[in-house]
């Protein structure tokens, strides 16, 4: 099976940076307890004009491993999974906005 990367582009208004970092850390600690979690890398923009000032990349062993954690999060508006965790970027409070996407590697140079 191919690894997948979940790439979350995050808009964090000024004054909410610490909140975003703390929430991300809670989720990564949760993901670390799940089968199929590989790694996470968190980025902060160095360009103040960027729309997305944070990016979090979470790597899973496979799309099936990712789906096992997200599970029912796809099926309800709150994004709650079977562990009552808000997934798919929905665990961040307003006004933080998350644009999640799932990707596979097609080139690795």
C-alpha atoms as a PDB file:
ATOM      1  CA  UNK A   1       0.000   0.000   0.000  1.00  0.00           C
ATOM      2  CA  UNK A   2       1.061   3.547  -0.685  1.00  0.00           C
ATOM      3  CA  UNK A   3       1.641   6.051   2.062  1.00  0.00           C
ATOM      4  CA  UNK A   4      -0.568   9.118   1.937  1.00  0.00           C
ATOM      5  CA  UNK A   5       0.030  12.623   3.192  1.00  0.00           C
ATOM      6  CA  UNK A   6      -2.760  14.665   4.707  1.00  0.00           C
ATOM      7  CA  UNK A   7      -1.795  18.271   4.044  1.00  0.00           C
ATOM      8  CA  UNK A   8      -3.646  20.837   6.123  1.00  0.00           C
ATOM      9  CA  UNK A   9      -3.233  24.458   5.073  1.00  0.00           C
ATOM     10  CA  UNK A  10      -4.250  26.591   8.045  1.00  0.00           C
ATOM     11  CA  UNK A  11      -5.297  30.247   8.221  1.00  0.00           C
ATOM     12  CA  UNK A  12      -4.584  31.527  11.717  1.00  0.00           C
ATOM     13  CA  UNK A  13      -5.516  35.124  12.527  1.00  0.00           C
ATOM     14  CA  UNK A  14      -3.090  37.169  14.576  1.00  0.00           C
ATOM     15  CA  UNK A  15      -3.458  36.382  18.255  1.00  0.00           C
ATOM     16  CA  UNK A  16      -4.573  32.760  17.689  1.00  0.00           C
ATOM     17  CA  UNK A  17      -1.157  31.284  16.879  1.00  0.00           C
ATOM     18  CA  UNK A  18      -0.609  29.693  20.304  1.00  0.00           C
ATOM     19  CA  UNK A  19      -4.108  28.185  20.220  1.00  0.00           C
ATOM     20  CA  UNK A  20      -3.466  26.654  16.797  1.00  0.00           C
ATOM     21  CA  UNK A  21      -0.146  25.152  17.911  1.00  0.00           C
ATOM     22  CA  UNK A  22      -1.638  23.679  21.110  1.00  0.00           C
ATOM     23  CA  UNK A  23      -4.618  22.155  19.274  1.00  0.00           C
ATOM     24  CA  UNK A  24      -2.381  20.680  16.590  1.00  0.00           C
ATOM     25  CA  UNK A  25      -0.187  19.118  19.276  1.00  0.00           C
ATOM     26  CA  UNK A  26      -3.211  17.493  20.965  1.00  0.00           C
ATOM     27  CA  UNK A  27      -4.236  15.915  17.665  1.00  0.00           C
ATOM     28  CA  UNK A  28      -0.755  14.658  16.865  1.00  0.00           C
ATOM     29  CA  UNK A  29      -0.489  13.010  20.281  1.00  0.00           C
ATOM     30  CA  UNK A  30      -3.838  11.330  19.562  1.00  0.00           C
ATOM     31  CA  UNK A  31      -2.745  10.253  16.067  1.00  0.00           C
ATOM     32  CA  UNK A  32       0.466   8.769  17.489  1.00  0.00           C
ATOM     33  CA  UNK A  33      -1.670   6.255  19.383  1.00  0.00           C
ATOM     34  CA  UNK A  34      -3.296   5.033  16.169  1.00  0.00           C
ATOM     35  CA  UNK A  35      -2.163   2.228  13.903  1.00  0.00           C
ATOM     36  CA  UNK A  36      -0.749   3.517  10.642  1.00  0.00           C
ATOM     37  CA  UNK A  37       0.463   6.926  11.832  1.00  0.00           C
ATOM     38  CA  UNK A  38       3.933   7.570  10.376  1.00  0.00           C
ATOM     39  CA  UNK A  39       4.861  11.181  11.091  1.00  0.00           C
ATOM     40  CA  UNK A  40       3.823  14.792  11.213  1.00  0.00           C
ATOM     41  CA  UNK A  41       5.672  17.933  10.205  1.00  0.00           C
ATOM     42  CA  UNK A  42       4.372  21.376  11.174  1.00  0.00           C
ATOM     43  CA  UNK A  43       5.374  24.506   9.270  1.00  0.00           C
ATOM     44  CA  UNK A  44       5.017  28.214  10.000  1.00  0.00           C
ATOM     45  CA  UNK A  45       5.183  30.684   7.130  1.00  0.00           C
ATOM     46  CA  UNK A  46       8.077  33.131   7.035  1.00  0.00           C
ATOM     47  CA  UNK A  47       6.117  35.372   4.662  1.00  0.00           C
ATOM     48  CA  UNK A  48       3.507  37.507   6.457  1.00  0.00           C
ATOM     49  CA  UNK A  49       1.516  37.962   3.229  1.00  0.00           C
ATOM     50  CA  UNK A  50       0.728  34.225   2.891  1.00  0.00           C
ATOM     51  CA  UNK A  51      -2.956  33.358   3.237  1.00  0.00           C
ATOM     52  CA  UNK A  52      -2.024  30.115   4.962  1.00  0.00           C
ATOM     53  CA  UNK A  53       0.423  30.882   7.741  1.00  0.00           C
ATOM     54  CA  UNK A  54       0.664  27.287   9.002  1.00  0.00           C
ATOM     55  CA  UNK A  55       0.836  23.944   7.188  1.00  0.00           C
ATOM     56  CA  UNK A  56       0.650  20.572   8.897  1.00  0.00           C
ATOM     57  CA  UNK A  57       1.556  17.422   6.985  1.00  0.00           C
ATOM     58  CA  UNK A  58       0.556  14.093   8.517  1.00  0.00           C
ATOM     59  CA  UNK A  59       1.801  10.915   6.862  1.00  0.00           C
ATOM     60  CA  UNK A  60      -0.163   7.664   7.162  1.00  0.00           C
ATOM     61  CA  UNK A  61       0.929   4.159   6.108  1.00  0.00           C
ATOM     62  CA  UNK A  62      -2.067   3.978   3.766  1.00  0.00           C
ATOM     63  CA  UNK A  63      -5.377   5.581   2.912  1.00  0.00           C
ATOM     64  CA  UNK A  64      -7.050   2.728   4.812  1.00  0.00           C
ATOM     65  CA  UNK A  65      -5.087   3.620   7.975  1.00  0.00           C
ATOM     66  CA  UNK A  66      -6.146   7.251   7.610  1.00  0.00           C
ATOM     67  CA  UNK A  67      -9.780   6.247   7.070  1.00  0.00           C
ATOM     68  CA  UNK A  68      -9.708   3.986  10.139  1.00  0.00           C
ATOM     69  CA  UNK A  69      -8.889   7.019  12.295  1.00  0.00           C
ATOM     70  CA  UNK A  70     -11.177   9.501  10.557  1.00  0.00           C
ATOM     71  CA  UNK A  71     -13.966   6.910  10.014  1.00  0.00           C
ATOM     72  CA  UNK A  72     -17.337   8.525  10.756  1.00  0.00           C
ATOM     73  CA  UNK A  73     -15.807  12.011  10.615  1.00  0.00           C
ATOM     74  CA  UNK A  74     -16.664  12.046   6.926  1.00  0.00           C
ATOM     75  CA  UNK A  75     -20.303  11.330   7.721  1.00  0.00           C
ATOM     76  CA  UNK A  76     -21.262  14.146  10.086  1.00  0.00           C
ATOM     77  CA  UNK A  77     -21.001  17.897   9.959  1.00  0.00           C
ATOM     78  CA  UNK A  78     -18.972  18.173  13.175  1.00  0.00           C
ATOM     79  CA  UNK A  79     -16.346  15.781  11.813  1.00  0.00           C
ATOM     80  CA  UNK A  80     -16.550  13.574  14.913  1.00  0.00           C
ATOM     81  CA  UNK A  81     -14.860  10.195  14.618  1.00  0.00           C
ATOM     82  CA  UNK A  82     -15.591   7.087  16.699  1.00  0.00           C
ATOM     83  CA  UNK A  83     -13.361   8.436  19.516  1.00  0.00           C
ATOM     84  CA  UNK A  84     -15.350  11.717  19.589  1.00  0.00           C
ATOM     85  CA  UNK A  85     -12.366  13.605  18.175  1.00  0.00           C
ATOM     86  CA  UNK A  86     -13.132  16.293  15.611  1.00  0.00           C
ATOM     87  CA  UNK A  87     -11.136  15.309  12.541  1.00  0.00           C
ATOM     88  CA  UNK A  88     -10.711  16.597   8.983  1.00  0.00           C
ATOM     89  CA  UNK A  89      -9.537  19.987  10.278  1.00  0.00           C
ATOM     90  CA  UNK A  90     -12.724  20.605  12.271  1.00  0.00           C
ATOM     91  CA  UNK A  91     -11.032  20.550  15.679  1.00  0.00           C
ATOM     92  CA  UNK A  92      -9.863  24.138  15.346  1.00  0.00           C
ATOM     93  CA  UNK A  93     -12.177  26.879  16.676  1.00  0.00           C
ATOM     94  CA  UNK A  94     -13.428  29.831  14.663  1.00  0.00           C
ATOM     95  CA  UNK A  95     -11.772  32.031  13.348  1.00  0.00           C
ATOM     96  CA  UNK A  96      -9.026  29.490  12.531  1.00  0.00           C
ATOM     97  CA  UNK A  97      -9.721  27.946   9.101  1.00  0.00           C
ATOM     98  CA  UNK A  98      -8.302  24.631   7.938  1.00  0.00           C
ATOM     99  CA  UNK A  99      -8.239  23.401   4.338  1.00  0.00           C
ATOM    100  CA  UNK A 100      -7.425  19.672   4.500  1.00  0.00           C
ATOM    101  CA  UNK A 101      -6.491  17.457   1.570  1.00  0.00           C
ATOM    102  CA  UNK A 102      -5.231  13.904   1.079  1.00  0.00           C
ATOM    103  CA  UNK A 103      -2.362  13.289  -1.326  1.00  0.00           C
ATOM    104  CA  UNK A 104      -0.151  10.473  -2.559  1.00  0.00           C
ATOM    105  CA  UNK A 105       3.466  10.898  -3.587  1.00  0.00           C
ATOM    106  CA  UNK A 106       3.968  10.752  -7.339  1.00  0.00           C
ATOM    107  CA  UNK A 107       7.574  12.041  -7.436  1.00  0.00           C
ATOM    108  CA  UNK A 108      10.266  11.966  -4.791  1.00  0.00           C
ATOM    109  CA  UNK A 109      13.460  13.489  -6.205  1.00  0.00           C
END
